[in-house]
Amino acid sequence: MKTRHLIFPILMLLVALRVPAQSLNLTHTGDNTFGTDTIANTDSLMTGIPPTLDSALIGYDIYRYAAENNVRVNRAPATDSILKRYIADNPQRTVHGYRIRLFFDNKQSARGESEKAENLFKEHFPTIPVYRSYMNPYFKVVAGDYRTKSDAMRELGAIKKVFPNAFIIKEYINFPQL
């Protein structure tokens, strides 16, 4: 009687183990591997040529190269005046970019400290624009208008020598200078 009660669960277990193997359509080749119609082989098949990118251009700023190497750009004379008029007509116009945060605090002395940070930055880096703002209750000082994070990273190394806690933030930036 007891063996009869054990036969049914054992048969159910064998059937349960056999059904998933059949539904996967696995074929055993005898050498501890499965045939070519296994899930791993059919699902991971890749076709086509992977996209390529010229790694010499990654993080390369063509505008900086042009400025440093006296590259001359021929364009219609009206282009500059139209672009300058567009920027003048849209003074609040900003774009997504990156800046370097130098100072961010809300202590009672934060106003004076933010002024000191701004002046110190202007002293060491006169060519990089610096912005001091107040967003209740925080004073913050950020620097630069970088279109890409790699542009900001180039400057961050030198800035960290003066401001060791400086880091890059994503923020709206002003239009780049012409």
Protein backbone atom coordinates (compact mmCIF):
# COMPACT_ATOMS: atom_id res chain seq x y z
CA MET A 1 0.00 0.00 0.00
CA LYS A 2 2.83 2.37 0.89
CA THR A 3 4.65 1.65 -2.36
CA ARG A 4 1.52 2.49 -4.33
CA HIS A 5 1.46 5.95 -2.68
CA LEU A 6 5.10 6.53 -3.65
CA ILE A 7 4.77 5.45 -7.29
CA PHE A 8 2.40 8.27 -8.29
CA PRO A 9 4.59 11.16 -6.96
CA ILE A 10 7.70 9.60 -8.52
CA LEU A 11 5.96 9.31 -11.90
CA MET A 12 4.77 12.93 -11.67
CA LEU A 13 8.31 14.06 -10.88
CA LEU A 14 9.72 12.19 -13.88
CA VAL A 15 7.08 13.65 -16.19
CA ALA A 16 7.70 17.15 -14.82
CA LEU A 17 11.43 16.82 -15.49
CA ARG A 18 10.91 15.42 -19.00
CA VAL A 19 8.41 18.01 -20.30
CA PRO A 20 10.67 21.11 -20.06
CA ALA A 21 13.53 19.25 -21.77
CA GLN A 22 11.25 18.30 -24.68
CA SER A 23 9.81 21.80 -24.99
CA LEU A 24 13.34 23.24 -25.37
CA ASN A 25 14.08 20.83 -28.25
CA LEU A 26 17.54 20.01 -26.91
CA THR A 27 19.47 17.27 -28.66
CA HIS A 28 22.27 15.57 -26.80
CA THR A 29 25.29 14.66 -28.94
CA GLY A 30 26.87 12.29 -26.44
CA ASP A 31 30.00 14.34 -25.72
CA ASN A 32 28.56 16.43 -22.87
CA THR A 33 27.44 19.14 -25.30
CA PHE A 34 24.15 19.88 -26.94
CA GLY A 35 23.43 20.22 -30.65
CA THR A 36 23.26 23.43 -32.66
CA ASP A 37 19.57 23.96 -32.02
CA THR A 38 20.03 24.86 -28.36
CA ILE A 39 18.67 28.11 -26.98
CA ALA A 40 22.13 29.52 -26.34
CA ASN A 41 23.16 29.04 -29.96
CA THR A 42 19.98 30.29 -31.60
CA ASP A 43 19.38 33.28 -29.30
CA SER A 44 22.93 34.61 -29.29
CA LEU A 45 23.49 34.51 -33.04
CA MET A 46 24.62 37.93 -34.22
CA THR A 47 24.48 39.01 -37.83
CA GLY A 48 25.77 42.12 -39.55
CA ILE A 49 28.84 44.28 -39.17
CA PRO A 50 29.17 46.09 -35.84
CA PRO A 51 29.25 49.90 -36.06
CA THR A 52 32.69 51.45 -35.97
CA LEU A 53 33.86 54.84 -34.74
CA ASP A 54 37.11 56.60 -35.41
CA SER A 55 38.58 56.61 -31.91
CA ALA A 56 40.93 59.45 -32.84
CA LEU A 57 37.94 61.83 -32.78
CA ILE A 58 36.52 60.87 -29.38
CA GLY A 59 36.67 63.85 -27.04
CA TYR A 60 38.28 66.00 -29.74
CA ASP A 61 37.18 69.63 -29.89
CA ILE A 62 37.53 70.88 -33.47
CA TYR A 63 36.80 74.46 -32.43
CA ARG A 64 39.73 74.54 -30.03
CA TYR A 65 41.97 73.02 -32.72
CA ALA A 66 40.83 75.65 -35.21
CA ALA A 67 41.56 78.47 -32.77
CA GLU A 68 45.02 77.15 -31.89
CA ASN A 69 46.13 76.47 -35.48
CA ASN A 70 44.89 79.56 -37.35
CA VAL A 71 42.29 77.73 -39.42
CA ARG A 72 40.46 80.06 -41.77
CA VAL A 73 36.76 79.48 -42.41
CA ASN A 74 35.26 81.01 -45.56
CA ARG A 75 31.60 81.96 -45.16
CA ALA A 76 29.17 84.62 -46.24
CA PRO A 77 29.81 87.99 -44.54
CA ALA A 78 26.20 88.16 -43.35
CA THR A 79 26.57 84.95 -41.31
CA ASP A 80 28.33 86.61 -38.38
CA SER A 81 25.91 89.53 -38.20
CA ILE A 82 22.87 87.23 -38.34
CA LEU A 83 24.28 84.99 -35.61
CA LYS A 84 25.19 87.95 -33.38
CA ARG A 85 21.72 89.45 -33.86
CA TYR A 86 20.10 86.11 -32.96
CA ILE A 87 22.13 85.87 -29.75
CA ALA A 88 21.39 89.52 -28.88
CA ASP A 89 17.65 88.98 -29.43
CA ASN A 90 17.70 85.92 -27.15
CA PRO A 91 19.83 86.95 -24.16
CA GLN A 92 18.26 84.37 -21.85
CA ARG A 93 18.78 81.60 -24.35
CA THR A 94 20.73 78.70 -22.85
CA VAL A 95 21.72 75.20 -23.91
CA HIS A 96 22.42 71.99 -22.01
CA GLY A 97 26.04 71.64 -21.00
CA TYR A 98 28.44 71.30 -18.09
CA ARG A 99 29.98 73.56 -15.49
CA ILE A 100 32.44 73.03 -12.67
CA ARG A 101 31.05 73.58 -9.19
CA LEU A 102 33.53 75.36 -6.94
CA PHE A 103 31.45 76.26 -3.89
CA PHE A 104 28.04 75.36 -2.46
CA ASP A 105 27.07 76.21 1.13
CA ASN A 106 24.33 77.65 3.34
CA LYS A 107 26.22 78.73 6.47
CA GLN A 108 25.88 82.29 7.76
CA SER A 109 29.31 83.06 6.34
CA ALA A 110 28.47 81.51 2.94
CA ARG A 111 27.97 84.86 1.19
CA GLY A 112 31.46 86.07 2.05
CA GLU A 113 33.01 82.69 1.33
CA SER A 114 31.32 82.55 -2.08
CA GLU A 115 32.71 86.00 -2.92
CA LYS A 116 36.19 84.84 -1.88
CA ALA A 117 35.86 81.69 -4.01
CA GLU A 118 34.74 83.76 -7.00
CA ASN A 119 37.63 86.23 -6.63
CA LEU A 120 40.18 83.45 -6.11
CA PHE A 121 38.97 81.70 -9.24
CA LYS A 122 39.13 84.91 -11.29
CA GLU A 123 42.68 85.42 -10.02
CA HIS A 124 43.89 81.98 -11.12
CA PHE A 125 41.72 81.48 -14.23
CA PRO A 126 40.88 84.88 -15.77
CA THR A 127 39.80 83.42 -19.13
CA ILE A 128 37.13 81.09 -17.71
CA PRO A 129 33.76 82.68 -16.86
CA VAL A 130 32.63 82.27 -13.25
CA TYR A 131 29.06 82.58 -11.94
CA ARG A 132 27.95 83.21 -8.36
CA SER A 133 24.29 82.74 -7.50
CA TYR A 134 21.95 82.46 -4.55
CA MET A 135 19.18 79.86 -4.42
CA ASN A 136 17.51 80.12 -1.03
CA PRO A 137 19.23 79.12 1.29
CA TYR A 138 22.38 78.20 -0.71
CA PHE A 139 25.15 80.29 -2.24
CA LYS A 140 26.88 78.58 -5.12
CA VAL A 141 29.81 79.34 -7.39
CA VAL A 142 30.24 77.55 -10.72
CA ALA A 143 32.67 78.09 -13.57
CA GLY A 144 32.80 77.57 -17.31
CA ASP A 145 30.40 76.95 -20.16
CA TYR A 146 31.32 73.52 -21.52
CA ARG A 147 29.32 71.83 -24.27
CA THR A 148 30.66 68.35 -23.45
CA LYS A 149 31.78 66.63 -20.28
CA SER A 150 35.17 65.90 -21.82
CA ASP A 151 35.73 69.65 -22.31
CA ALA A 152 35.00 70.20 -18.63
CA MET A 153 37.28 67.31 -17.62
CA ARG A 154 40.22 68.95 -19.40
CA GLU A 155 39.89 72.05 -17.20
CA LEU A 156 38.99 70.19 -14.00
CA GLY A 157 42.53 68.91 -13.40
CA ALA A 158 44.00 72.42 -13.21
CA ILE A 159 41.06 73.77 -11.21
CA LYS A 160 41.35 70.98 -8.61
CA LYS A 161 44.82 72.25 -7.72
CA VAL A 162 43.22 75.45 -6.40
CA PHE A 163 39.76 74.06 -5.49
CA PRO A 164 40.30 70.42 -4.40
CA ASN A 165 36.56 69.79 -3.89
CA ALA A 166 35.56 70.98 -7.38
CA PHE A 167 33.44 68.66 -9.50
CA ILE A 168 31.49 68.68 -12.77
CA ILE A 169 27.74 69.28 -12.85
CA LYS A 170 25.22 69.20 -15.67
CA GLU A 171 23.56 72.59 -16.02
CA TYR A 172 22.21 75.06 -18.54
CA ILE A 173 25.07 77.07 -20.02
CA ASN A 174 25.29 80.29 -22.01
CA PHE A 175 25.88 80.30 -25.74
CA PRO A 176 29.56 79.78 -26.54
CA GLN A 177 31.49 82.93 -27.47
CA LEU A 178 32.00 83.59 -31.17
